[in-house]
Each structure stands twice: as C-alpha cells, then as structure tokens.
N, C-alpha and C. Protein backbone atom coordinates (compact mmCIF):
# COMPACT_ATOMS: atom_id res chain seq x y z
N UNK A 1 32.69 252.50 62.51
CA UNK A 1 34.01 251.92 62.72
C UNK A 1 34.00 251.18 64.05
N UNK A 2 34.35 249.91 63.99
CA UNK A 2 34.47 249.15 65.23
C UNK A 2 35.89 248.62 65.33
N UNK A 3 36.74 249.42 65.88
CA UNK A 3 38.16 249.09 65.99
C UNK A 3 38.35 247.83 66.83
N UNK A 4 37.61 247.74 67.91
CA UNK A 4 37.76 246.60 68.82
C UNK A 4 37.42 245.29 68.10
N UNK A 5 36.31 245.27 67.39
CA UNK A 5 35.91 244.05 66.66
C UNK A 5 36.97 243.68 65.62
N UNK A 6 37.48 244.69 64.91
CA UNK A 6 38.49 244.42 63.89
C UNK A 6 39.77 243.83 64.48
N UNK A 7 40.22 244.36 65.59
CA UNK A 7 41.46 243.87 66.20
C UNK A 7 41.28 242.47 66.78
N UNK A 8 40.13 242.21 67.42
CA UNK A 8 39.94 240.95 68.14
C UNK A 8 39.21 239.87 67.35
N UNK A 9 38.97 240.09 66.05
CA UNK A 9 38.25 239.07 65.29
C UNK A 9 39.02 237.75 65.33
N UNK A 10 38.25 236.68 65.45
CA UNK A 10 38.78 235.32 65.52
C UNK A 10 39.69 235.08 66.73
N UNK A 11 39.47 235.81 67.79
CA UNK A 11 40.26 235.63 69.02
C UNK A 11 39.33 235.28 70.16
N UNK A 12 39.85 234.48 71.07
CA UNK A 12 39.10 234.11 72.27
C UNK A 12 39.84 234.67 73.48
N UNK A 13 39.13 235.42 74.29
CA UNK A 13 39.72 236.02 75.49
C UNK A 13 40.09 234.93 76.48
N UNK A 14 41.28 235.00 77.02
CA UNK A 14 41.73 234.11 78.09
C UNK A 14 41.56 234.87 79.40
N UNK A 15 40.44 234.66 80.06
CA UNK A 15 40.11 235.42 81.27
C UNK A 15 41.11 235.19 82.40
N UNK A 16 41.82 234.08 82.38
CA UNK A 16 42.78 233.76 83.43
C UNK A 16 43.92 234.78 83.44
N UNK A 17 44.31 235.28 82.29
CA UNK A 17 45.48 236.16 82.23
C UNK A 17 45.13 237.65 82.27
N UNK A 18 43.86 238.00 82.21
CA UNK A 18 43.48 239.42 82.17
C UNK A 18 44.01 240.20 83.38
N UNK A 19 43.83 239.66 84.57
CA UNK A 19 44.27 240.37 85.77
C UNK A 19 45.79 240.46 85.84
N UNK A 20 46.49 239.43 85.38
CA UNK A 20 47.96 239.49 85.34
C UNK A 20 48.42 240.58 84.37
N UNK A 21 47.66 240.81 83.33
CA UNK A 21 48.01 241.84 82.36
C UNK A 21 47.82 243.24 82.93
N UNK A 22 46.86 243.37 83.85
CA UNK A 22 46.60 244.68 84.45
C UNK A 22 45.14 245.05 84.50
N UNK A 23 44.27 244.17 84.03
CA UNK A 23 42.84 244.42 84.12
C UNK A 23 42.39 244.30 85.57
N UNK A 24 41.38 245.08 85.92
CA UNK A 24 40.77 245.03 87.24
C UNK A 24 39.33 244.59 87.05
N UNK A 25 38.89 243.64 87.88
CA UNK A 25 37.51 243.15 87.79
C UNK A 25 36.61 244.05 88.62
N UNK A 26 35.70 244.78 87.94
CA UNK A 26 34.80 245.73 88.61
C UNK A 26 33.37 245.51 88.15
N UNK A 27 32.50 245.20 89.07
CA UNK A 27 31.07 245.07 88.77
C UNK A 27 30.81 244.14 87.59
N UNK A 28 31.49 243.01 87.56
CA UNK A 28 31.27 242.00 86.52
C UNK A 28 31.97 242.28 85.21
N UNK A 29 32.84 243.27 85.17
CA UNK A 29 33.53 243.64 83.93
C UNK A 29 35.02 243.81 84.22
N UNK A 30 35.84 243.32 83.32
CA UNK A 30 37.28 243.54 83.41
C UNK A 30 37.61 244.88 82.75
N UNK A 31 38.34 245.73 83.47
CA UNK A 31 38.66 247.07 82.99
C UNK A 31 40.17 247.28 83.03
N UNK A 32 40.69 247.81 81.93
CA UNK A 32 42.12 248.13 81.83
C UNK A 32 42.26 249.59 81.44
N UNK A 33 43.16 250.30 82.10
CA UNK A 33 43.42 251.71 81.79
C UNK A 33 44.91 251.92 81.58
N UNK A 34 45.23 252.76 80.60
CA UNK A 34 46.62 253.14 80.36
C UNK A 34 46.66 254.50 79.68
N UNK A 35 47.79 255.16 79.78
CA UNK A 35 47.96 256.49 79.18
C UNK A 35 48.72 256.36 77.87
N UNK A 36 48.37 257.22 76.90
CA UNK A 36 49.05 257.24 75.60
C UNK A 36 49.37 258.67 75.22
N UNK A 37 50.21 258.82 74.21
CA UNK A 37 50.56 260.11 73.63
C UNK A 37 50.99 261.11 74.70
N UNK A 38 52.11 260.79 75.33
CA UNK A 38 52.69 261.67 76.36
C UNK A 38 51.73 261.98 77.50
N UNK A 39 50.94 260.97 77.87
CA UNK A 39 50.00 261.07 78.99
C UNK A 39 48.89 262.10 78.76
N UNK A 40 48.63 262.45 77.51
CA UNK A 40 47.56 263.40 77.21
C UNK A 40 46.22 262.71 77.02
N UNK A 41 46.23 261.39 76.82
CA UNK A 41 45.01 260.64 76.59
C UNK A 41 45.03 259.38 77.44
N UNK A 42 43.84 258.99 77.92
CA UNK A 42 43.70 257.77 78.71
C UNK A 42 42.83 256.79 77.94
N UNK A 43 43.33 255.58 77.79
CA UNK A 43 42.59 254.50 77.15
C UNK A 43 41.93 253.67 78.25
N UNK A 44 40.64 253.36 78.06
CA UNK A 44 39.92 252.48 78.96
C UNK A 44 39.30 251.37 78.12
N UNK A 45 39.73 250.13 78.37
CA UNK A 45 39.22 248.97 77.65
C UNK A 45 38.44 248.11 78.64
N UNK A 46 37.23 247.70 78.23
CA UNK A 46 36.38 246.87 79.08
C UNK A 46 36.05 245.57 78.35
N UNK A 47 36.05 244.48 79.11
CA UNK A 47 35.68 243.17 78.57
C UNK A 47 34.71 242.53 79.54
N UNK A 48 33.53 242.17 79.02
CA UNK A 48 32.54 241.54 79.89
C UNK A 48 32.69 240.02 79.84
N UNK A 49 31.88 239.32 80.62
CA UNK A 49 31.98 237.86 80.71
C UNK A 49 31.60 237.15 79.42
N UNK A 50 30.97 237.86 78.49
CA UNK A 50 30.62 237.29 77.19
C UNK A 50 31.67 237.63 76.14
N UNK A 51 32.81 238.14 76.57
CA UNK A 51 33.92 238.54 75.70
C UNK A 51 33.60 239.73 74.82
N UNK A 52 32.59 240.52 75.21
CA UNK A 52 32.32 241.76 74.47
C UNK A 52 33.35 242.79 74.89
N UNK A 53 34.06 243.33 73.90
CA UNK A 53 35.15 244.27 74.16
C UNK A 53 34.73 245.66 73.70
N UNK A 54 34.89 246.62 74.59
CA UNK A 54 34.60 248.01 74.23
C UNK A 54 35.73 248.88 74.75
N UNK A 55 35.84 250.04 74.17
CA UNK A 55 36.90 250.92 74.61
C UNK A 55 36.58 252.37 74.35
N UNK A 56 37.20 253.21 75.14
CA UNK A 56 37.07 254.65 74.97
C UNK A 56 38.43 255.28 75.23
N UNK A 57 38.59 256.44 74.64
CA UNK A 57 39.78 257.23 74.89
C UNK A 57 39.33 258.57 75.44
N UNK A 58 39.98 259.02 76.51
CA UNK A 58 39.64 260.29 77.13
C UNK A 58 40.75 261.30 76.85
N UNK A 59 40.37 262.47 76.43
CA UNK A 59 41.29 263.59 76.25
C UNK A 59 41.46 264.24 77.61
N UNK A 60 42.61 264.08 78.21
CA UNK A 60 42.82 264.56 79.57
C UNK A 60 42.96 266.08 79.66
N UNK A 61 43.28 266.73 78.53
CA UNK A 61 43.33 268.19 78.52
C UNK A 61 41.94 268.79 78.73
N UNK A 62 40.91 268.07 78.24
CA UNK A 62 39.54 268.56 78.33
C UNK A 62 38.68 267.74 79.29
N UNK A 63 39.25 266.68 79.87
CA UNK A 63 38.48 265.78 80.74
C UNK A 63 37.19 265.30 80.09
N UNK A 64 37.32 264.83 78.85
CA UNK A 64 36.14 264.40 78.10
C UNK A 64 36.52 263.24 77.18
N UNK A 65 35.51 262.50 76.75
CA UNK A 65 35.72 261.40 75.81
C UNK A 65 36.18 261.97 74.47
N UNK A 66 37.16 261.32 73.87
CA UNK A 66 37.64 261.70 72.55
C UNK A 66 36.73 261.03 71.52
N UNK A 67 35.68 261.73 71.12
CA UNK A 67 34.63 261.16 70.28
C UNK A 67 35.10 260.80 68.87
N UNK A 68 36.14 261.44 68.39
CA UNK A 68 36.62 261.17 67.04
C UNK A 68 37.20 259.78 66.87
N UNK A 69 37.49 259.09 67.96
CA UNK A 69 38.09 257.77 67.88
C UNK A 69 37.29 256.84 66.98
N UNK A 70 35.98 256.81 67.15
CA UNK A 70 35.13 255.89 66.40
C UNK A 70 34.37 256.57 65.26
N UNK A 71 34.72 257.79 64.92
CA UNK A 71 34.04 258.52 63.84
C UNK A 71 34.77 258.28 62.52
N UNK A 72 34.15 257.50 61.64
CA UNK A 72 34.77 257.16 60.36
C UNK A 72 35.14 258.38 59.53
N UNK A 73 34.32 259.38 59.57
CA UNK A 73 34.50 260.53 58.68
C UNK A 73 35.62 261.47 59.12
N UNK A 74 36.13 261.28 60.32
CA UNK A 74 37.14 262.19 60.83
C UNK A 74 38.53 261.60 60.62
N UNK A 75 39.32 262.29 59.81
CA UNK A 75 40.70 261.89 59.56
C UNK A 75 41.57 263.12 59.60
N UNK A 76 42.25 263.30 60.71
CA UNK A 76 43.21 264.39 60.82
C UNK A 76 44.40 263.85 61.61
N UNK A 77 45.43 264.63 61.71
CA UNK A 77 46.68 264.17 62.32
C UNK A 77 46.47 263.68 63.75
N UNK A 78 45.77 264.46 64.57
CA UNK A 78 45.57 264.07 65.96
C UNK A 78 44.72 262.81 66.06
N UNK A 79 43.61 262.79 65.36
CA UNK A 79 42.71 261.63 65.42
C UNK A 79 43.43 260.37 64.96
N UNK A 80 44.17 260.46 63.88
CA UNK A 80 44.89 259.29 63.38
C UNK A 80 45.97 258.83 64.36
N UNK A 81 46.63 259.77 65.03
CA UNK A 81 47.64 259.41 66.03
C UNK A 81 46.98 258.69 67.22
N UNK A 82 45.84 259.21 67.67
CA UNK A 82 45.12 258.58 68.79
C UNK A 82 44.66 257.18 68.38
N UNK A 83 44.09 257.05 67.18
CA UNK A 83 43.65 255.72 66.71
C UNK A 83 44.81 254.74 66.63
N UNK A 84 45.93 255.20 66.09
CA UNK A 84 47.09 254.30 65.97
C UNK A 84 47.56 253.81 67.33
N UNK A 85 47.65 254.71 68.30
CA UNK A 85 48.08 254.31 69.64
C UNK A 85 47.05 253.41 70.31
N UNK A 86 45.78 253.71 70.10
CA UNK A 86 44.70 252.88 70.64
C UNK A 86 44.78 251.47 70.07
N UNK A 87 45.00 251.37 68.76
CA UNK A 87 45.13 250.06 68.12
C UNK A 87 46.33 249.30 68.67
N UNK A 88 47.42 250.00 68.97
CA UNK A 88 48.59 249.35 69.56
C UNK A 88 48.26 248.76 70.92
N UNK A 89 47.49 249.50 71.73
CA UNK A 89 47.08 248.99 73.04
C UNK A 89 46.22 247.74 72.86
N UNK A 90 45.24 247.82 71.96
CA UNK A 90 44.36 246.67 71.73
C UNK A 90 45.14 245.46 71.20
N UNK A 91 46.06 245.71 70.30
CA UNK A 91 46.85 244.62 69.73
C UNK A 91 47.71 243.95 70.79
N UNK A 92 48.28 244.73 71.69
CA UNK A 92 49.06 244.14 72.78
C UNK A 92 48.18 243.30 73.69
N UNK A 93 46.97 243.79 74.00
CA UNK A 93 46.03 243.00 74.81
C UNK A 93 45.70 241.71 74.09
N UNK A 94 45.44 241.81 72.79
CA UNK A 94 45.14 240.60 72.00
C UNK A 94 46.30 239.62 72.05
N UNK A 95 47.51 240.11 71.85
CA UNK A 95 48.68 239.24 71.83
C UNK A 95 48.93 238.57 73.18
N UNK A 96 48.60 239.26 74.26
CA UNK A 96 48.90 238.75 75.61
C UNK A 96 47.73 238.04 76.29
N UNK A 97 46.50 238.32 75.84
CA UNK A 97 45.33 237.86 76.61
C UNK A 97 44.32 237.05 75.80
N UNK A 98 44.73 236.53 74.65
CA UNK A 98 43.81 235.69 73.88
C UNK A 98 44.50 234.37 73.55
N UNK A 99 43.68 233.44 73.14
CA UNK A 99 44.23 232.15 72.73
C UNK A 99 43.74 231.82 71.35
C-alpha cells in the first residue's frame, strides 16, 4: 500500500508554498509534522527535492512507529481511523501545496 503515491498521483509539488504551509527544510528535505486523533498520533510527512513523498505515523502512547499504516492486510477500527486521518493530512497538503 502506497498511500502517499495514491493521494499525490498526477500532482506537482509547489516548493514555494511548502514552508508557508508549515514544512521545515532540514538536511535537504522538507518535513511537516502534525498531531491527529486527539494528539495520540504524530504524522511526519517528508518531501525531497525530487518530489518523493514519504510519511510515517507515530503512536505517541508507545513512542514508536505505527507500522499498521502501510500494512495492506491489517484492517481494524484503530488502523482504519489512523489511515483516514493520515489521508486527510495528505489531501490537505496536496490541495494547498501542489499545482
């Protein structure tokens, strides 16, 4: 499952607006962080200079990566809620930061 590729297909990143949106340029990569689901999870989205988009979600209760995000075979209430919120974050980035 590549959620990022699915959301951003046929889109071109507008690097000029990334920092206005809230991305921070770190070590050659634009990084955006936000909290979802009552601040229990942290989304981290990275975009490199070649427009490669990657993302991770961290479970803050366990201080660990939420691995089920990209696991096709896992479908349960929590995982689906995290995926839905993650897709909303990506979709907002797409709507605000692509042309």
